Structure formats: C-alpha cells, structure tokens
Amino acid sequence: MSKFSSDLVQGMKEAAAFAEGKRTGSRVRVVEVPNVRAIRRQLHMSQQRFAETYHIPLPTLKNWEQGRRAPDAPAAAYLHAISRQPTAIKEALQHG
C-alpha cells in the first residue's frame, strides 16, 4: 500500500473514532458561521444590493440566509471581514 493510501486509511479510522466520541490525536477546528442576514441588515442593504456589492451570487446569499446552506470557511472569513470593514471591502472590490 502506498503512503497516500495508508495515510488515507488512517485518517478515515481517526474520523470514525471521532464520530463515535472517542478521543483521537486529531484536531478539530470549528468555524464560526456568521449571521449573514444580520450583517446585511446592519448595512441596510437588500439581498440584491448586498450580493452585487460584495460579489456573492444572489442564490448563494439566499441559501445562507434561509439556512439551506452554510458558508464554507473562506466564505465565513469573508463575511466576517465584511461585517468588520464593509466600506474597505466594498472599495477594494471596486478597484480590483
């Protein structure tokens, strides 16, 4: 078995043990999912305007707000940045 294969098998065993509540040597990182609707409302923007301003597909934004999907880690980080520095992010996107 190749190193990749053995690493993959080991990783799957650790994931299964973790899922069963057993302690493993694995690290778990929990990404805080921002409240997208609250960020948008704080900025007094419609879904359409928020999506256009921050280059987020409107269906994606709607799915996040309605709880059908959750932002992945990079999207969550982007949303946190928007919530903290909305003007700077908007300006950076306009000049990009």
N, C-alpha and C. Protein backbone atom coordinates (compact mmCIF):
# COMPACT_ATOMS: atom_id res chain seq x y z
N MET A 1 0.85 -1.17 0.00
CA MET A 1 0.00 0.00 0.00
C MET A 1 0.90 1.24 0.00
N SER A 2 0.53 2.23 -0.80
CA SER A 2 1.32 3.45 -0.88
C SER A 2 1.16 4.27 0.40
N LYS A 3 2.06 5.23 0.60
CA LYS A 3 1.97 6.11 1.77
C LYS A 3 0.65 6.87 1.75
N PHE A 4 0.26 7.34 0.57
CA PHE A 4 -1.01 8.07 0.46
C PHE A 4 -2.17 7.18 0.91
N SER A 5 -2.18 5.95 0.44
CA SER A 5 -3.27 5.03 0.80
C SER A 5 -3.30 4.75 2.30
N SER A 6 -2.13 4.51 2.87
CA SER A 6 -2.10 4.22 4.31
C SER A 6 -2.50 5.45 5.13
N ASP A 7 -2.08 6.65 4.69
CA ASP A 7 -2.49 7.88 5.37
C ASP A 7 -4.00 8.08 5.27
N LEU A 8 -4.55 7.78 4.11
CA LEU A 8 -5.99 7.92 3.90
C LEU A 8 -6.77 6.96 4.80
N VAL A 9 -6.32 5.72 4.88
CA VAL A 9 -6.97 4.72 5.74
C VAL A 9 -6.88 5.16 7.20
N GLN A 10 -5.71 5.61 7.62
CA GLN A 10 -5.52 6.07 8.99
C GLN A 10 -6.43 7.25 9.30
N GLY A 11 -6.52 8.18 8.37
CA GLY A 11 -7.39 9.34 8.56
C GLY A 11 -8.85 8.94 8.68
N MET A 12 -9.27 7.99 7.90
CA MET A 12 -10.66 7.53 7.97
C MET A 12 -10.93 6.82 9.30
N LYS A 13 -9.96 6.06 9.78
CA LYS A 13 -10.12 5.40 11.09
C LYS A 13 -10.25 6.45 12.20
N GLU A 14 -9.43 7.49 12.14
CA GLU A 14 -9.50 8.55 13.14
C GLU A 14 -10.83 9.30 13.05
N ALA A 15 -11.30 9.55 11.84
CA ALA A 15 -12.58 10.24 11.67
C ALA A 15 -13.72 9.40 12.24
N ALA A 16 -13.69 8.10 11.99
CA ALA A 16 -14.73 7.21 12.52
C ALA A 16 -14.69 7.18 14.04
N ALA A 17 -13.49 7.11 14.61
CA ALA A 17 -13.36 7.10 16.07
C ALA A 17 -13.87 8.41 16.66
N PHE A 18 -13.54 9.51 16.02
CA PHE A 18 -14.00 10.82 16.50
C PHE A 18 -15.53 10.89 16.44
N ALA A 19 -16.10 10.40 15.35
CA ALA A 19 -17.56 10.42 15.20
C ALA A 19 -18.25 9.58 16.27
N GLU A 20 -17.56 8.57 16.75
CA GLU A 20 -18.11 7.72 17.82
C GLU A 20 -17.87 8.32 19.20
N GLY A 21 -17.23 9.48 19.26
CA GLY A 21 -17.00 10.15 20.53
C GLY A 21 -15.71 9.74 21.22
N LYS A 22 -14.88 8.99 20.54
CA LYS A 22 -13.61 8.57 21.13
C LYS A 22 -12.57 9.68 20.94
N ARG A 23 -11.66 9.77 21.90
CA ARG A 23 -10.60 10.76 21.78
C ARG A 23 -9.56 10.25 20.79
N THR A 24 -9.14 11.14 19.92
CA THR A 24 -8.11 10.79 18.94
C THR A 24 -7.05 11.87 18.97
N GLY A 25 -6.02 11.69 18.21
CA GLY A 25 -4.96 12.69 18.11
C GLY A 25 -5.32 13.79 17.13
N SER A 26 -6.50 13.71 16.57
CA SER A 26 -6.92 14.69 15.58
C SER A 26 -7.29 16.02 16.22
N ARG A 27 -7.11 17.07 15.45
CA ARG A 27 -7.53 18.39 15.87
C ARG A 27 -8.80 18.76 15.12
N VAL A 28 -9.70 19.37 15.81
CA VAL A 28 -10.95 19.81 15.18
C VAL A 28 -11.00 21.33 15.26
N ARG A 29 -11.25 21.94 14.15
CA ARG A 29 -11.39 23.39 14.12
C ARG A 29 -12.85 23.70 13.78
N VAL A 30 -13.45 24.47 14.63
CA VAL A 30 -14.83 24.87 14.41
C VAL A 30 -14.83 26.28 13.85
N VAL A 31 -15.44 26.43 12.70
CA VAL A 31 -15.52 27.73 12.05
C VAL A 31 -16.83 28.38 12.47
N GLU A 32 -16.73 29.56 13.06
CA GLU A 32 -17.93 30.29 13.46
C GLU A 32 -18.62 30.80 12.20
N VAL A 33 -19.86 30.38 12.03
CA VAL A 33 -20.62 30.80 10.86
C VAL A 33 -21.34 32.11 11.21
N PRO A 34 -21.02 33.16 10.49
CA PRO A 34 -21.65 34.45 10.79
C PRO A 34 -23.12 34.47 10.41
N ASN A 35 -23.87 35.34 11.03
CA ASN A 35 -25.28 35.52 10.71
C ASN A 35 -25.35 36.47 9.52
N VAL A 36 -25.49 35.89 8.35
CA VAL A 36 -25.43 36.65 7.11
C VAL A 36 -26.55 37.69 7.05
N ARG A 37 -27.75 37.29 7.42
CA ARG A 37 -28.88 38.22 7.38
C ARG A 37 -28.63 39.43 8.29
N ALA A 38 -28.09 39.16 9.48
CA ALA A 38 -27.82 40.25 10.42
C ALA A 38 -26.77 41.22 9.86
N ILE A 39 -25.74 40.68 9.23
CA ILE A 39 -24.71 41.54 8.62
C ILE A 39 -25.34 42.41 7.55
N ARG A 40 -26.13 41.80 6.68
CA ARG A 40 -26.77 42.54 5.59
C ARG A 40 -27.72 43.61 6.12
N ARG A 41 -28.50 43.25 7.11
CA ARG A 41 -29.45 44.22 7.67
C ARG A 41 -28.74 45.36 8.40
N GLN A 42 -27.64 45.04 9.05
CA GLN A 42 -26.86 46.08 9.74
C GLN A 42 -26.35 47.11 8.73
N LEU A 43 -26.11 46.65 7.52
CA LEU A 43 -25.64 47.55 6.45
C LEU A 43 -26.79 48.19 5.69
N HIS A 44 -28.03 47.87 6.09
CA HIS A 44 -29.23 48.43 5.45
C HIS A 44 -29.24 48.18 3.95
N MET A 45 -28.97 46.91 3.58
CA MET A 45 -28.93 46.55 2.17
C MET A 45 -29.96 45.46 1.89
N SER A 46 -30.52 45.52 0.68
CA SER A 46 -31.37 44.42 0.22
C SER A 46 -30.46 43.24 -0.12
N GLN A 47 -31.06 42.08 -0.29
CA GLN A 47 -30.26 40.93 -0.70
C GLN A 47 -29.57 41.20 -2.03
N GLN A 48 -30.32 41.76 -2.96
CA GLN A 48 -29.78 42.06 -4.29
C GLN A 48 -28.57 42.99 -4.20
N ARG A 49 -28.71 44.06 -3.45
CA ARG A 49 -27.62 45.06 -3.35
C ARG A 49 -26.42 44.47 -2.64
N PHE A 50 -26.63 43.71 -1.55
CA PHE A 50 -25.53 43.10 -0.82
C PHE A 50 -24.78 42.13 -1.73
N ALA A 51 -25.53 41.30 -2.45
CA ALA A 51 -24.91 40.32 -3.35
C ALA A 51 -24.09 41.02 -4.43
N GLU A 52 -24.64 42.06 -5.01
CA GLU A 52 -23.92 42.79 -6.06
C GLU A 52 -22.69 43.51 -5.51
N THR A 53 -22.85 44.15 -4.38
CA THR A 53 -21.76 44.93 -3.78
C THR A 53 -20.57 44.05 -3.42
N TYR A 54 -20.85 42.89 -2.84
CA TYR A 54 -19.78 42.04 -2.34
C TYR A 54 -19.50 40.82 -3.21
N HIS A 55 -20.05 40.84 -4.44
CA HIS A 55 -19.77 39.81 -5.45
C HIS A 55 -20.11 38.40 -4.95
N ILE A 56 -21.27 38.27 -4.35
CA ILE A 56 -21.76 36.99 -3.88
C ILE A 56 -22.97 36.63 -4.74
N PRO A 57 -23.00 35.44 -5.34
CA PRO A 57 -24.17 35.08 -6.13
C PRO A 57 -25.45 35.17 -5.28
N LEU A 58 -26.47 35.81 -5.83
CA LEU A 58 -27.72 36.00 -5.08
C LEU A 58 -28.31 34.69 -4.59
N PRO A 59 -28.35 33.62 -5.40
CA PRO A 59 -28.90 32.36 -4.87
C PRO A 59 -28.10 31.82 -3.68
N THR A 60 -26.79 32.02 -3.70
CA THR A 60 -25.95 31.59 -2.58
C THR A 60 -26.31 32.37 -1.33
N LEU A 61 -26.43 33.68 -1.46
CA LEU A 61 -26.80 34.51 -0.33
C LEU A 61 -28.15 34.08 0.24
N LYS A 62 -29.12 33.86 -0.63
CA LYS A 62 -30.45 33.42 -0.17
C LYS A 62 -30.37 32.08 0.55
N ASN A 63 -29.60 31.15 0.01
CA ASN A 63 -29.45 29.84 0.67
C ASN A 63 -28.82 29.98 2.05
N TRP A 64 -27.83 30.85 2.19
CA TRP A 64 -27.22 31.08 3.50
C TRP A 64 -28.25 31.66 4.47
N GLU A 65 -28.96 32.68 4.02
CA GLU A 65 -29.91 33.35 4.91
C GLU A 65 -31.07 32.44 5.31
N GLN A 66 -31.48 31.56 4.42
CA GLN A 66 -32.61 30.69 4.70
C GLN A 66 -32.19 29.38 5.36
N GLY A 67 -30.91 29.23 5.62
CA GLY A 67 -30.42 28.05 6.33
C GLY A 67 -30.33 26.78 5.50
N ARG A 68 -30.48 26.90 4.19
CA ARG A 68 -30.35 25.71 3.34
C ARG A 68 -28.90 25.32 3.14
N ARG A 69 -28.03 26.29 3.24
CA ARG A 69 -26.58 26.07 3.11
C ARG A 69 -25.89 26.94 4.15
N ALA A 70 -24.66 26.57 4.46
CA ALA A 70 -23.83 27.38 5.36
C ALA A 70 -22.58 27.79 4.61
N PRO A 71 -22.08 28.98 4.86
CA PRO A 71 -20.83 29.40 4.21
C PRO A 71 -19.69 28.47 4.61
N ASP A 72 -18.82 28.14 3.65
CA ASP A 72 -17.64 27.36 3.99
C ASP A 72 -16.65 28.29 4.71
N ALA A 73 -15.52 27.76 5.13
CA ALA A 73 -14.57 28.53 5.93
C ALA A 73 -14.10 29.82 5.24
N PRO A 74 -13.69 29.78 3.95
CA PRO A 74 -13.28 31.03 3.31
C PRO A 74 -14.42 32.04 3.20
N ALA A 75 -15.62 31.57 2.88
CA ALA A 75 -16.77 32.47 2.79
C ALA A 75 -17.10 33.06 4.15
N ALA A 76 -17.01 32.24 5.20
CA ALA A 76 -17.27 32.74 6.56
C ALA A 76 -16.26 33.83 6.93
N ALA A 77 -15.00 33.61 6.57
CA ALA A 77 -13.97 34.62 6.85
C ALA A 77 -14.27 35.91 6.07
N TYR A 78 -14.68 35.77 4.83
CA TYR A 78 -15.04 36.93 4.01
C TYR A 78 -16.21 37.69 4.63
N LEU A 79 -17.22 36.97 5.09
CA LEU A 79 -18.37 37.61 5.72
C LEU A 79 -17.99 38.31 7.01
N HIS A 80 -17.08 37.71 7.78
CA HIS A 80 -16.60 38.38 9.00
C HIS A 80 -15.88 39.68 8.63
N ALA A 81 -15.08 39.63 7.56
CA ALA A 81 -14.37 40.84 7.12
C ALA A 81 -15.37 41.92 6.70
N ILE A 82 -16.41 41.50 5.98
CA ILE A 82 -17.44 42.46 5.57
C ILE A 82 -18.10 43.08 6.80
N SER A 83 -18.39 42.26 7.80
CA SER A 83 -19.07 42.79 8.99
C SER A 83 -18.19 43.78 9.74
N ARG A 84 -16.87 43.62 9.69
CA ARG A 84 -15.97 44.49 10.42
C ARG A 84 -15.53 45.71 9.61
N GLN A 85 -15.35 45.53 8.31
CA GLN A 85 -14.83 46.60 7.46
C GLN A 85 -15.61 46.68 6.14
N PRO A 86 -16.91 46.92 6.20
CA PRO A 86 -17.72 46.89 4.97
C PRO A 86 -17.27 47.87 3.90
N THR A 87 -16.90 49.07 4.30
CA THR A 87 -16.50 50.09 3.33
C THR A 87 -15.18 49.72 2.67
N ALA A 88 -14.23 49.26 3.44
CA ALA A 88 -12.93 48.87 2.89
C ALA A 88 -13.07 47.72 1.90
N ILE A 89 -13.89 46.74 2.24
CA ILE A 89 -14.09 45.59 1.35
C ILE A 89 -14.76 46.07 0.06
N LYS A 90 -15.78 46.90 0.19
CA LYS A 90 -16.50 47.43 -0.97
C LYS A 90 -15.54 48.21 -1.88
N GLU A 91 -14.72 49.06 -1.29
CA GLU A 91 -13.77 49.85 -2.08
C GLU A 91 -12.71 48.96 -2.75
N ALA A 92 -12.26 47.96 -2.03
CA ALA A 92 -11.26 47.05 -2.61
C ALA A 92 -11.84 46.32 -3.83
N LEU A 93 -13.11 45.95 -3.75
CA LEU A 93 -13.73 45.26 -4.87
C LEU A 93 -13.98 46.19 -6.05
N GLN A 94 -14.21 47.45 -5.79
CA GLN A 94 -14.43 48.42 -6.86
C GLN A 94 -13.16 48.72 -7.62
N HIS A 95 -12.02 48.65 -6.93
CA HIS A 95 -10.75 48.99 -7.56
C HIS A 95 -10.04 47.76 -8.11
N GLY A 96 -10.64 46.59 -7.92
CA GLY A 96 -9.99 45.34 -8.31
C GLY A 96 -10.15 44.96 -9.69
